[in-house]
Amino acid sequence: MPTYPFLLVDAFTETALGGNPCAVVLDADDLTDEAMQRLAREFNQSETAFVRRSAVAEFGVRYFTPSEEIPLAGHPTIATITALLHTGRLARPTTETTRLHLELLHGPLLIEVEPSTTPTAPAQVRMTQRRPVFGQIHEAETVLPLFGLSPADIVEGSVIQTVSTGTPQLMVLLRDAATLRRAYLPDPAALEAYRRRTNFFSSHLFCLEGATPAGTTFARHLCTPPDVLEDPVTGSATGGMAAYLWHYGYLPSPQFIAEQGHWLGRPGTVAVQVYGPREAIEAVQISGTGVVVVEGQLHF
């Protein structure tokens, strides 16, 4: 029976059991699509990463939720690099930034790893996401009831829009943190039907208040079964959120701290940098650290 090393890594945190957990399966070259999907259901994390050899990048990796494969995800990227560093498959930088590429479903993506402040400190991993694509604008009267809210709950003048920096996400800017806390899914099947009809992956609701004084934004990422109902800290959606906020003029600076997961007991921090003018964004970078909490062997 084949054996595959795997790790469970908490991403966007420096503390175990914070941030967002991700299963990372190494040496996964011979796993079929069906096998990876079944294993993602078995791990039952918001995403599972499968690391493979690549002919065009240092490593290949594919990301699966319990229900489907997705082209790009932030916290599995942080988790994957953390796992590669932990197992020695990627050398830990000591004096200079390490630059490499991960081959994802739609091609290579630039990753940078900063030298740690101490030999035991988690490495800071920076991910350059794809150029943002601003997609469909949605009717507030249709979307807000899906989250138990009304059109009066969004920031006046804001639009609800699908934005992608690699994975399309529904972006909803709410008035304040109190409104964000009230959001829930009264009918998950209705949201599932709407997202499939309008072709986005999941829903990112956010406000211009941090959970701590360090944060500029706070967010919740709501999903539908069999995926987790709420993803604690989401890197790809944070990238799309950053592009949205910079494009529409809601951010005074293209560099900020995004916070998420605190209300779930899994606080996470994402450092964000947007490059380019508001009308022509070139790229969004997100960065964070990861912590290995489980290491083992998968017999499958």
C-alpha atoms as a PDB file:
ATOM      1  CA  MET A   1       0.000   0.000   0.000  1.00  0.00           C
ATOM      2  CA  PRO A   2       1.497   3.399  -0.980  1.00  0.00           C
ATOM      3  CA  THR A   3       2.471   5.785   1.824  1.00  0.00           C
ATOM      4  CA  TYR A   4       2.366   9.585   1.580  1.00  0.00           C
ATOM      5  CA  PRO A   5       3.807  12.041   4.110  1.00  0.00           C
ATOM      6  CA  PHE A   6       1.293  14.645   5.257  1.00  0.00           C
ATOM      7  CA  LEU A   7       1.217  17.628   7.589  1.00  0.00           C
ATOM      8  CA  LEU A   8      -1.526  19.692   9.145  1.00  0.00           C
ATOM      9  CA  VAL A   9      -0.461  23.339   9.067  1.00  0.00           C
ATOM     10  CA  ASP A  10      -2.162  26.384  10.583  1.00  0.00           C
ATOM     11  CA  ALA A  11      -1.734  29.332   8.206  1.00  0.00           C
ATOM     12  CA  PHE A  12      -1.769  33.082   8.850  1.00  0.00           C
ATOM     13  CA  THR A  13      -0.778  32.613  12.465  1.00  0.00           C
ATOM     14  CA  GLU A  14       2.354  32.279  14.580  1.00  0.00           C
ATOM     15  CA  THR A  15       0.482  30.203  17.172  1.00  0.00           C
ATOM     16  CA  ALA A  16      -0.716  26.620  16.827  1.00  0.00           C
ATOM     17  CA  LEU A  17      -4.496  26.231  16.616  1.00  0.00           C
ATOM     18  CA  GLY A  18      -4.897  29.749  15.291  1.00  0.00           C
ATOM     19  CA  GLY A  19      -5.419  30.914  11.727  1.00  0.00           C
ATOM     20  CA  ASN A  20      -6.719  28.447   9.168  1.00  0.00           C
ATOM     21  CA  PRO A  21      -5.778  24.739   9.145  1.00  0.00           C
ATOM     22  CA  CYS A  22      -4.754  23.023   5.923  1.00  0.00           C
ATOM     23  CA  ALA A  23      -3.755  19.432   5.204  1.00  0.00           C
ATOM     24  CA  VAL A  24      -0.668  19.185   2.978  1.00  0.00           C
ATOM     25  CA  VAL A  25       0.032  15.847   1.269  1.00  0.00           C
ATOM     26  CA  LEU A  26       3.580  15.463  -0.091  1.00  0.00           C
ATOM     27  CA  ASP A  27       4.895  13.256  -2.923  1.00  0.00           C
ATOM     28  CA  ALA A  28       1.392  13.130  -4.414  1.00  0.00           C
ATOM     29  CA  ASP A  29       2.455  12.657  -8.076  1.00  0.00           C
ATOM     30  CA  ASP A  30       0.666   9.348  -8.628  1.00  0.00           C
ATOM     31  CA  LEU A  31      -2.622  10.324  -6.985  1.00  0.00           C
ATOM     32  CA  THR A  32      -5.519  10.594  -9.424  1.00  0.00           C
ATOM     33  CA  ASP A  33      -7.994  13.473  -9.413  1.00  0.00           C
ATOM     34  CA  GLU A  34     -10.570  11.149  -7.860  1.00  0.00           C
ATOM     35  CA  ALA A  35      -8.153  10.058  -5.132  1.00  0.00           C
ATOM     36  CA  MET A  36      -7.242  13.654  -4.259  1.00  0.00           C
ATOM     37  CA  GLN A  37     -10.906  14.592  -4.043  1.00  0.00           C
ATOM     38  CA  ARG A  38     -11.659  11.620  -1.795  1.00  0.00           C
ATOM     39  CA  LEU A  39      -8.723  12.469   0.466  1.00  0.00           C
ATOM     40  CA  ALA A  40      -9.847  16.106   0.675  1.00  0.00           C
ATOM     41  CA  ARG A  41     -13.235  14.846   1.885  1.00  0.00           C
ATOM     42  CA  GLU A  42     -11.468  12.573   4.378  1.00  0.00           C
ATOM     43  CA  PHE A  43      -9.323  15.383   5.820  1.00  0.00           C
ATOM     44  CA  ASN A  44     -12.424  17.634   5.809  1.00  0.00           C
ATOM     45  CA  GLN A  45     -10.434  20.851   5.962  1.00  0.00           C
ATOM     46  CA  SER A  46     -11.486  23.923   4.022  1.00  0.00           C
ATOM     47  CA  GLU A  47      -8.692  22.950   1.583  1.00  0.00           C
ATOM     48  CA  THR A  48      -6.168  20.153   1.174  1.00  0.00           C
ATOM     49  CA  ALA A  49      -2.957  20.735  -0.816  1.00  0.00           C
ATOM     50  CA  PHE A  50      -1.298  18.010  -2.874  1.00  0.00           C
ATOM     51  CA  VAL A  51       2.369  18.680  -3.665  1.00  0.00           C
ATOM     52  CA  ARG A  52       3.786  17.193  -6.861  1.00  0.00           C
ATOM     53  CA  ARG A  53       6.772  17.454  -9.178  1.00  0.00           C
ATOM     54  CA  SER A  54       6.679  20.184 -11.844  1.00  0.00           C
ATOM     55  CA  ALA A  55       8.427  20.647 -15.177  1.00  0.00           C
ATOM     56  CA  VAL A  56       7.965  24.430 -15.131  1.00  0.00           C
ATOM     57  CA  ALA A  57       8.384  25.402 -11.459  1.00  0.00           C
ATOM     58  CA  GLU A  58      10.175  24.282  -8.318  1.00  0.00           C
ATOM     59  CA  PHE A  59       7.039  22.499  -7.095  1.00  0.00           C
ATOM     60  CA  GLY A  60       3.570  21.750  -8.361  1.00  0.00           C
ATOM     61  CA  VAL A  61       0.543  21.870  -6.083  1.00  0.00           C
ATOM     62  CA  ARG A  62      -3.193  21.339  -6.474  1.00  0.00           C
ATOM     63  CA  TYR A  63      -5.874  22.502  -4.069  1.00  0.00           C
ATOM     64  CA  PHE A  64      -9.110  20.674  -3.259  1.00  0.00           C
ATOM     65  CA  THR A  65     -11.991  21.560  -0.962  1.00  0.00           C
ATOM     66  CA  PRO A  66     -14.178  18.672   0.262  1.00  0.00           C
ATOM     67  CA  SER A  67     -16.365  19.224  -2.826  1.00  0.00           C
ATOM     68  CA  GLU A  68     -14.179  20.498  -5.690  1.00  0.00           C
ATOM     69  CA  GLU A  69     -10.775  21.544  -6.998  1.00  0.00           C
ATOM     70  CA  ILE A  70     -10.012  25.267  -7.002  1.00  0.00           C
ATOM     71  CA  PRO A  71      -7.344  27.025  -9.082  1.00  0.00           C
ATOM     72  CA  LEU A  72      -5.799  29.243  -6.418  1.00  0.00           C
ATOM     73  CA  ALA A  73      -5.978  29.549  -2.636  1.00  0.00           C
ATOM     74  CA  GLY A  74      -4.011  31.638  -0.177  1.00  0.00           C
ATOM     75  CA  HIS A  75      -3.878  29.773   3.106  1.00  0.00           C
ATOM     76  CA  PRO A  76      -2.957  26.446   1.406  1.00  0.00           C
ATOM     77  CA  THR A  77      -0.092  28.273  -0.321  1.00  0.00           C
ATOM     78  CA  ILE A  78       1.240  29.531   3.007  1.00  0.00           C
ATOM     79  CA  ALA A  79       0.712  26.036   4.459  1.00  0.00           C
ATOM     80  CA  THR A  80       2.435  24.308   1.530  1.00  0.00           C
ATOM     81  CA  ILE A  81       5.567  26.441   1.751  1.00  0.00           C
ATOM     82  CA  THR A  82       5.608  26.005   5.548  1.00  0.00           C
ATOM     83  CA  ALA A  83       5.405  22.217   5.086  1.00  0.00           C
ATOM     84  CA  LEU A  84       8.210  22.227   2.486  1.00  0.00           C
ATOM     85  CA  LEU A  85      10.426  24.270   4.800  1.00  0.00           C
ATOM     86  CA  HIS A  86       9.605  22.048   7.782  1.00  0.00           C
ATOM     87  CA  THR A  87      10.479  18.831   5.934  1.00  0.00           C
ATOM     88  CA  GLY A  88      13.656  20.234   4.344  1.00  0.00           C
ATOM     89  CA  ARG A  89      12.333  19.964   0.800  1.00  0.00           C
ATOM     90  CA  LEU A  90      12.838  23.719   0.576  1.00  0.00           C
ATOM     91  CA  ALA A  91      15.912  25.291   2.179  1.00  0.00           C
ATOM     92  CA  ARG A  92      15.153  27.843   4.887  1.00  0.00           C
ATOM     93  CA  PRO A  93      16.528  31.286   3.884  1.00  0.00           C
ATOM     94  CA  THR A  94      19.109  32.721   6.262  1.00  0.00           C
ATOM     95  CA  THR A  95      20.228  36.078   4.849  1.00  0.00           C
ATOM     96  CA  GLU A  96      18.366  36.771   1.599  1.00  0.00           C
ATOM     97  CA  THR A  97      14.814  36.322   0.338  1.00  0.00           C
ATOM     98  CA  THR A  98      14.184  33.029  -1.453  1.00  0.00           C
ATOM     99  CA  ARG A  99      12.186  33.364  -4.685  1.00  0.00           C
ATOM    100  CA  LEU A 100      10.487  30.361  -6.273  1.00  0.00           C
ATOM    101  CA  HIS A 101       7.387  29.399  -8.204  1.00  0.00           C
ATOM    102  CA  LEU A 102       4.553  27.011  -7.510  1.00  0.00           C
ATOM    103  CA  GLU A 103       2.812  25.516 -10.521  1.00  0.00           C
ATOM    104  CA  LEU A 104      -0.915  25.784  -9.806  1.00  0.00           C
ATOM    105  CA  LEU A 105      -3.841  24.641 -11.937  1.00  0.00           C
ATOM    106  CA  HIS A 106      -3.605  27.681 -14.239  1.00  0.00           C
ATOM    107  CA  GLY A 107       0.173  28.091 -14.294  1.00  0.00           C
ATOM    108  CA  PRO A 108       3.104  29.186 -12.107  1.00  0.00           C
ATOM    109  CA  LEU A 109       2.794  31.708  -9.291  1.00  0.00           C
ATOM    110  CA  LEU A 110       5.603  33.689  -7.645  1.00  0.00           C
ATOM    111  CA  ILE A 111       6.374  32.920  -3.994  1.00  0.00           C
ATOM    112  CA  GLU A 112       8.904  34.691  -1.771  1.00  0.00           C
ATOM    113  CA  VAL A 113      10.159  33.483   1.598  1.00  0.00           C
ATOM    114  CA  GLU A 114      11.785  35.969   3.949  1.00  0.00           C
ATOM    115  CA  PRO A 115      14.601  35.022   6.362  1.00  0.00           C
ATOM    116  CA  SER A 116      13.262  34.460   9.885  1.00  0.00           C
ATOM    117  CA  THR A 117      14.248  36.741  12.737  1.00  0.00           C
ATOM    118  CA  THR A 118      15.381  33.687  14.761  1.00  0.00           C
ATOM    119  CA  PRO A 119      16.108  30.055  13.798  1.00  0.00           C
ATOM    120  CA  THR A 120      12.833  28.904  15.344  1.00  0.00           C
ATOM    121  CA  ALA A 121      10.561  31.756  14.238  1.00  0.00           C
ATOM    122  CA  PRO A 122       7.990  30.952  11.502  1.00  0.00           C
ATOM    123  CA  ALA A 123       9.056  32.061   8.034  1.00  0.00           C
ATOM    124  CA  GLN A 124       7.141  34.899   6.391  1.00  0.00           C
ATOM    125  CA  VAL A 125       5.728  33.637   3.082  1.00  0.00           C
ATOM    126  CA  ARG A 126       4.631  36.111   0.404  1.00  0.00           C
ATOM    127  CA  MET A 127       2.353  35.130  -2.480  1.00  0.00           C
ATOM    128  CA  THR A 128       1.842  37.244  -5.608  1.00  0.00           C
ATOM    129  CA  GLN A 129      -1.662  36.551  -6.846  1.00  0.00           C
ATOM    130  CA  ARG A 130      -2.928  36.936 -10.392  1.00  0.00           C
ATOM    131  CA  ARG A 131      -3.977  40.264 -11.902  1.00  0.00           C
ATOM    132  CA  PRO A 132      -7.479  41.019 -10.574  1.00  0.00           C
ATOM    133  CA  VAL A 133     -10.506  40.489 -12.762  1.00  0.00           C
ATOM    134  CA  PHE A 134     -13.627  42.478 -11.870  1.00  0.00           C
ATOM    135  CA  GLY A 135     -16.634  40.425 -12.884  1.00  0.00           C
ATOM    136  CA  GLN A 136     -20.372  40.470 -12.486  1.00  0.00           C
ATOM    137  CA  ILE A 137     -22.098  43.122 -10.376  1.00  0.00           C
ATOM    138  CA  HIS A 138     -24.943  41.601  -8.357  1.00  0.00           C
ATOM    139  CA  GLU A 139     -28.270  43.020  -7.222  1.00  0.00           C
ATOM    140  CA  ALA A 140     -28.234  43.823  -3.501  1.00  0.00           C
ATOM    141  CA  GLU A 141     -31.930  42.916  -3.224  1.00  0.00           C
ATOM    142  CA  THR A 142     -31.089  39.408  -4.422  1.00  0.00           C
ATOM    143  CA  VAL A 143     -27.808  38.810  -2.580  1.00  0.00           C
ATOM    144  CA  LEU A 144     -28.237  40.303   0.893  1.00  0.00           C
ATOM    145  CA  PRO A 145     -31.187  38.106   1.989  1.00  0.00           C
ATOM    146  CA  LEU A 146     -28.989  35.071   1.294  1.00  0.00           C
ATOM    147  CA  PHE A 147     -26.973  36.228   4.341  1.00  0.00           C
ATOM    148  CA  GLY A 148     -29.923  37.274   6.493  1.00  0.00           C
ATOM    149  CA  LEU A 149     -29.261  40.926   5.657  1.00  0.00           C
ATOM    150  CA  SER A 150     -30.925  43.739   3.710  1.00  0.00           C
ATOM    151  CA  PRO A 151     -29.638  46.241   1.106  1.00  0.00           C
ATOM    152  CA  ALA A 152     -29.409  48.850   3.892  1.00  0.00           C
ATOM    153  CA  ASP A 153     -26.591  46.785   5.464  1.00  0.00           C
ATOM    154  CA  ILE A 154     -23.978  47.457   2.771  1.00  0.00           C
ATOM    155  CA  VAL A 155     -21.879  50.627   2.609  1.00  0.00           C
ATOM    156  CA  GLU A 156     -23.941  53.242   0.800  1.00  0.00           C
ATOM    157  CA  GLY A 157     -22.940  53.467  -2.843  1.00  0.00           C
ATOM    158  CA  SER A 158     -20.912  50.258  -2.805  1.00  0.00           C
ATOM    159  CA  VAL A 159     -21.423  47.444  -5.301  1.00  0.00           C
ATOM    160  CA  ILE A 160     -21.604  43.716  -4.713  1.00  0.00           C
ATOM    161  CA  GLN A 161     -19.247  42.194  -7.249  1.00  0.00           C
ATOM    162  CA  THR A 162     -17.429  39.029  -8.213  1.00  0.00           C
ATOM    163  CA  VAL A 163     -13.667  39.678  -8.067  1.00  0.00           C
ATOM    164  CA  SER A 164     -10.912  37.190  -8.814  1.00  0.00           C
ATOM    165  CA  THR A 165      -7.185  37.222  -8.217  1.00  0.00           C
ATOM    166  CA  GLY A 166      -7.145  33.571  -9.236  1.00  0.00           C
ATOM    167  CA  THR A 167     -10.407  32.275  -7.746  1.00  0.00           C
ATOM    168  CA  PRO A 168     -13.677  34.215  -8.241  1.00  0.00           C
ATOM    169  CA  GLN A 169     -15.221  35.377  -4.956  1.00  0.00           C
ATOM    170  CA  LEU A 170     -18.353  37.369  -4.152  1.00  0.00           C
ATOM    171  CA  MET A 171     -17.315  40.665  -2.496  1.00  0.00           C
ATOM    172  CA  VAL A 172     -19.760  42.312  -0.063  1.00  0.00           C
ATOM    173  CA  LEU A 173     -18.710  45.483   1.813  1.00  0.00           C
ATOM    174  CA  LEU A 174     -20.830  45.874   4.949  1.00  0.00           C
ATOM    175  CA  ARG A 175     -21.394  49.003   7.021  1.00  0.00           C
ATOM    176  CA  ASP A 176     -19.627  47.915  10.197  1.00  0.00           C
ATOM    177  CA  ALA A 177     -18.505  45.008  12.355  1.00  0.00           C
ATOM    178  CA  ALA A 178     -21.865  44.765  14.105  1.00  0.00           C
ATOM    179  CA  THR A 179     -23.548  44.189  10.751  1.00  0.00           C
ATOM    180  CA  LEU A 180     -20.901  41.645   9.783  1.00  0.00           C
ATOM    181  CA  ARG A 181     -21.543  39.727  12.996  1.00  0.00           C
ATOM    182  CA  ARG A 182     -25.271  39.447  12.156  1.00  0.00           C
ATOM    183  CA  ALA A 183     -24.621  37.716   8.821  1.00  0.00           C
ATOM    184  CA  TYR A 184     -25.586  34.044   8.577  1.00  0.00           C
ATOM    185  CA  LEU A 185     -26.957  31.568   6.026  1.00  0.00           C
ATOM    186  CA  PRO A 186     -30.716  31.152   6.531  1.00  0.00           C
ATOM    187  CA  ASP A 187     -30.869  28.808   3.528  1.00  0.00           C
ATOM    188  CA  PRO A 188     -27.490  27.379   2.417  1.00  0.00           C
ATOM    189  CA  ALA A 189     -29.148  25.653  -0.543  1.00  0.00           C
ATOM    190  CA  ALA A 190     -30.335  29.017  -1.874  1.00  0.00           C
ATOM    191  CA  LEU A 191     -26.808  30.442  -1.703  1.00  0.00           C
ATOM    192  CA  GLU A 192     -25.436  27.288  -3.355  1.00  0.00           C
ATOM    193  CA  ALA A 193     -27.908  27.618  -6.205  1.00  0.00           C
ATOM    194  CA  TYR A 194     -27.098  31.305  -6.651  1.00  0.00           C
ATOM    195  CA  ARG A 195     -23.324  30.814  -6.651  1.00  0.00           C
ATOM    196  CA  ARG A 196     -23.556  28.045  -9.241  1.00  0.00           C
ATOM    197  CA  ARG A 197     -25.857  30.152 -11.401  1.00  0.00           C
ATOM    198  CA  THR A 198     -23.549  33.182 -11.288  1.00  0.00           C
ATOM    199  CA  ASN A 199     -20.235  31.272 -11.233  1.00  0.00           C
ATOM    200  CA  PHE A 200     -18.320  32.319  -8.107  1.00  0.00           C
ATOM    201  CA  PHE A 201     -16.572  30.052  -5.604  1.00  0.00           C
ATOM    202  CA  SER A 202     -17.631  31.458  -2.231  1.00  0.00           C
ATOM    203  CA  SER A 203     -18.678  34.611  -0.406  1.00  0.00           C
ATOM    204  CA  HIS A 204     -16.488  37.188   1.318  1.00  0.00           C
ATOM    205  CA  LEU A 205     -18.224  39.667   3.613  1.00  0.00           C
ATOM    206  CA  PHE A 206     -16.088  42.396   5.178  1.00  0.00           C
ATOM    207  CA  CYS A 207     -15.988  45.796   6.826  1.00  0.00           C
ATOM    208  CA  LEU A 208     -13.508  48.637   7.261  1.00  0.00           C
ATOM    209  CA  GLU A 209     -12.832  47.865  10.923  1.00  0.00           C
ATOM    210  CA  GLY A 210     -10.138  45.637  12.349  1.00  0.00           C
ATOM    211  CA  ALA A 211     -10.677  43.074  15.076  1.00  0.00           C
ATOM    212  CA  THR A 212      -7.643  44.664  16.792  1.00  0.00           C
ATOM    213  CA  PRO A 213      -6.068  48.127  16.501  1.00  0.00           C
ATOM    214  CA  ALA A 214      -3.577  46.689  13.983  1.00  0.00           C
ATOM    215  CA  GLY A 215      -6.248  45.713  11.475  1.00  0.00           C
ATOM    216  CA  THR A 216      -7.712  47.823   8.674  1.00  0.00           C
ATOM    217  CA  THR A 217     -10.337  45.247   7.670  1.00  0.00           C
ATOM    218  CA  PHE A 218     -12.192  42.356   9.231  1.00  0.00           C
ATOM    219  CA  ALA A 219     -13.925  39.646   7.202  1.00  0.00           C
ATOM    220  CA  ARG A 220     -15.999  36.497   7.260  1.00  0.00           C
ATOM    221  CA  HIS A 221     -15.895  33.914   4.484  1.00  0.00           C
ATOM    222  CA  LEU A 222     -19.136  31.953   4.182  1.00  0.00           C
ATOM    223  CA  CYS A 223     -19.390  28.689   2.250  1.00  0.00           C
ATOM    224  CA  THR A 224     -21.971  25.996   1.568  1.00  0.00           C
ATOM    225  CA  PRO A 225     -21.941  22.262   2.423  1.00  0.00           C
ATOM    226  CA  PRO A 226     -20.136  19.933   2.036  1.00  0.00           C
ATOM    227  CA  ASP A 227     -17.417  22.599   2.406  1.00  0.00           C
ATOM    228  CA  VAL A 228     -16.924  24.247   5.785  1.00  0.00           C
ATOM    229  CA  LEU A 229     -19.655  26.762   6.585  1.00  0.00           C
ATOM    230  CA  GLU A 230     -17.168  29.487   7.502  1.00  0.00           C
ATOM    231  CA  ASP A 231     -13.513  29.544   6.503  1.00  0.00           C
ATOM    232  CA  PRO A 232     -11.433  31.142   9.290  1.00  0.00           C
ATOM    233  CA  VAL A 233      -8.781  33.057   7.275  1.00  0.00           C
ATOM    234  CA  THR A 234      -8.836  33.242   3.475  1.00  0.00           C
ATOM    235  CA  GLY A 235      -5.844  34.395   1.439  1.00  0.00           C
ATOM    236  CA  SER A 236      -7.283  34.323  -2.074  1.00  0.00           C
ATOM    237  CA  ALA A 237     -10.443  36.161  -0.991  1.00  0.00           C
ATOM    238  CA  THR A 238      -8.317  38.663   0.927  1.00  0.00           C
ATOM    239  CA  GLY A 239      -6.498  39.362  -2.340  1.00  0.00           C
ATOM    240  CA  GLY A 240      -9.779  39.931  -4.146  1.00  0.00           C
ATOM    241  CA  MET A 241     -11.026  42.110  -1.279  1.00  0.00           C
ATOM    242  CA  ALA A 242      -7.859  44.208  -1.420  1.00  0.00           C
ATOM    243  CA  ALA A 243      -8.264  44.723  -5.175  1.00  0.00           C
ATOM    244  CA  TYR A 244     -11.918  45.710  -4.653  1.00  0.00           C
ATOM    245  CA  LEU A 245     -11.172  48.163  -1.849  1.00  0.00           C
ATOM    246  CA  TRP A 246      -8.238  49.788  -3.650  1.00  0.00           C
ATOM    247  CA  HIS A 247     -10.062  49.980  -6.996  1.00  0.00           C
ATOM    248  CA  TYR A 248     -13.135  51.662  -5.506  1.00  0.00           C
ATOM    249  CA  GLY A 249     -11.210  54.083  -3.312  1.00  0.00           C
ATOM    250  CA  TYR A 250     -11.996  52.648   0.128  1.00  0.00           C
ATOM    251  CA  LEU A 251      -8.330  52.276   1.139  1.00  0.00           C
ATOM    252  CA  PRO A 252      -6.102  55.309   1.826  1.00  0.00           C
ATOM    253  CA  SER A 253      -3.004  53.125   1.392  1.00  0.00           C
ATOM    254  CA  PRO A 254      -2.332  50.063  -0.792  1.00  0.00           C
ATOM    255  CA  GLN A 255      -0.570  48.391   2.142  1.00  0.00           C
ATOM    256  CA  PHE A 256      -2.617  47.189   5.124  1.00  0.00           C
ATOM    257  CA  ILE A 257      -3.365  44.397   7.607  1.00  0.00           C
ATOM    258  CA  ALA A 258      -6.434  42.229   7.069  1.00  0.00           C
ATOM    259  CA  GLU A 259      -7.835  40.313  10.046  1.00  0.00           C
ATOM    260  CA  GLN A 260     -10.175  37.341  10.097  1.00  0.00           C
ATOM    261  CA  GLY A 261     -11.157  34.365  12.224  1.00  0.00           C
ATOM    262  CA  HIS A 262     -11.216  36.057  15.631  1.00  0.00           C
ATOM    263  CA  TRP A 263     -14.915  35.342  16.197  1.00  0.00           C
ATOM    264  CA  LEU A 264     -14.263  31.665  15.441  1.00  0.00           C
ATOM    265  CA  GLY A 265     -11.502  31.438  18.033  1.00  0.00           C
ATOM    266  CA  ARG A 266      -8.882  31.163  15.273  1.00  0.00           C
ATOM    267  CA  PRO A 267      -7.467  34.680  14.881  1.00  0.00           C
ATOM    268  CA  GLY A 268      -5.504  35.247  11.702  1.00  0.00           C
ATOM    269  CA  THR A 269      -3.465  38.090  10.223  1.00  0.00           C
ATOM    270  CA  VAL A 270      -2.751  38.721   6.546  1.00  0.00           C
ATOM    271  CA  ALA A 271      -0.306  41.419   5.396  1.00  0.00           C
ATOM    272  CA  VAL A 272      -1.504  42.866   2.086  1.00  0.00           C
ATOM    273  CA  GLN A 273       0.126  44.975  -0.633  1.00  0.00           C
ATOM    274  CA  VAL A 274      -1.632  46.180  -3.804  1.00  0.00           C
ATOM    275  CA  TYR A 275       0.517  47.242  -6.763  1.00  0.00           C
ATOM    276  CA  GLY A 276      -0.560  49.643  -9.484  1.00  0.00           C
ATOM    277  CA  PRO A 277      -3.039  52.512  -9.784  1.00  0.00           C
ATOM    278  CA  ARG A 278      -6.633  52.070  -8.707  1.00  0.00           C
ATOM    279  CA  GLU A 279      -7.865  51.906 -12.301  1.00  0.00           C
ATOM    280  CA  ALA A 280      -5.213  49.394 -13.461  1.00  0.00           C
ATOM    281  CA  ILE A 281      -4.064  47.156 -10.611  1.00  0.00           C
ATOM    282  CA  GLU A 282      -1.042  45.100 -11.583  1.00  0.00           C
ATOM    283  CA  ALA A 283      -0.931  42.572  -8.740  1.00  0.00           C
ATOM    284  CA  VAL A 284      -1.905  41.846  -5.154  1.00  0.00           C
ATOM    285  CA  GLN A 285       0.507  40.268  -2.690  1.00  0.00           C
ATOM    286  CA  ILE A 286      -0.548  38.596   0.538  1.00  0.00           C
ATOM    287  CA  SER A 287       1.811  37.271   3.179  1.00  0.00           C
ATOM    288  CA  GLY A 288       1.741  35.424   6.461  1.00  0.00           C
ATOM    289  CA  THR A 289       3.289  32.674   8.536  1.00  0.00           C
ATOM    290  CA  GLY A 290       2.362  29.064   9.226  1.00  0.00           C
ATOM    291  CA  VAL A 291       2.792  26.584  12.087  1.00  0.00           C
ATOM    292  CA  VAL A 292       3.009  22.792  11.721  1.00  0.00           C
ATOM    293  CA  VAL A 293       0.752  21.077  14.260  1.00  0.00           C
ATOM    294  CA  VAL A 294       0.542  17.476  12.951  1.00  0.00           C
ATOM    295  CA  GLU A 295       2.967  15.345  10.930  1.00  0.00           C
ATOM    296  CA  GLY A 296       2.337  11.786   9.850  1.00  0.00           C
ATOM    297  CA  GLN A 297       2.009   9.113   7.179  1.00  0.00           C
ATOM    298  CA  LEU A 298      -1.037   8.543   5.025  1.00  0.00           C
ATOM    299  CA  HIS A 299      -1.669   4.948   3.918  1.00  0.00           C
ATOM    300  CA  PHE A 300      -3.911   4.961   0.893  1.00  0.00           C
END
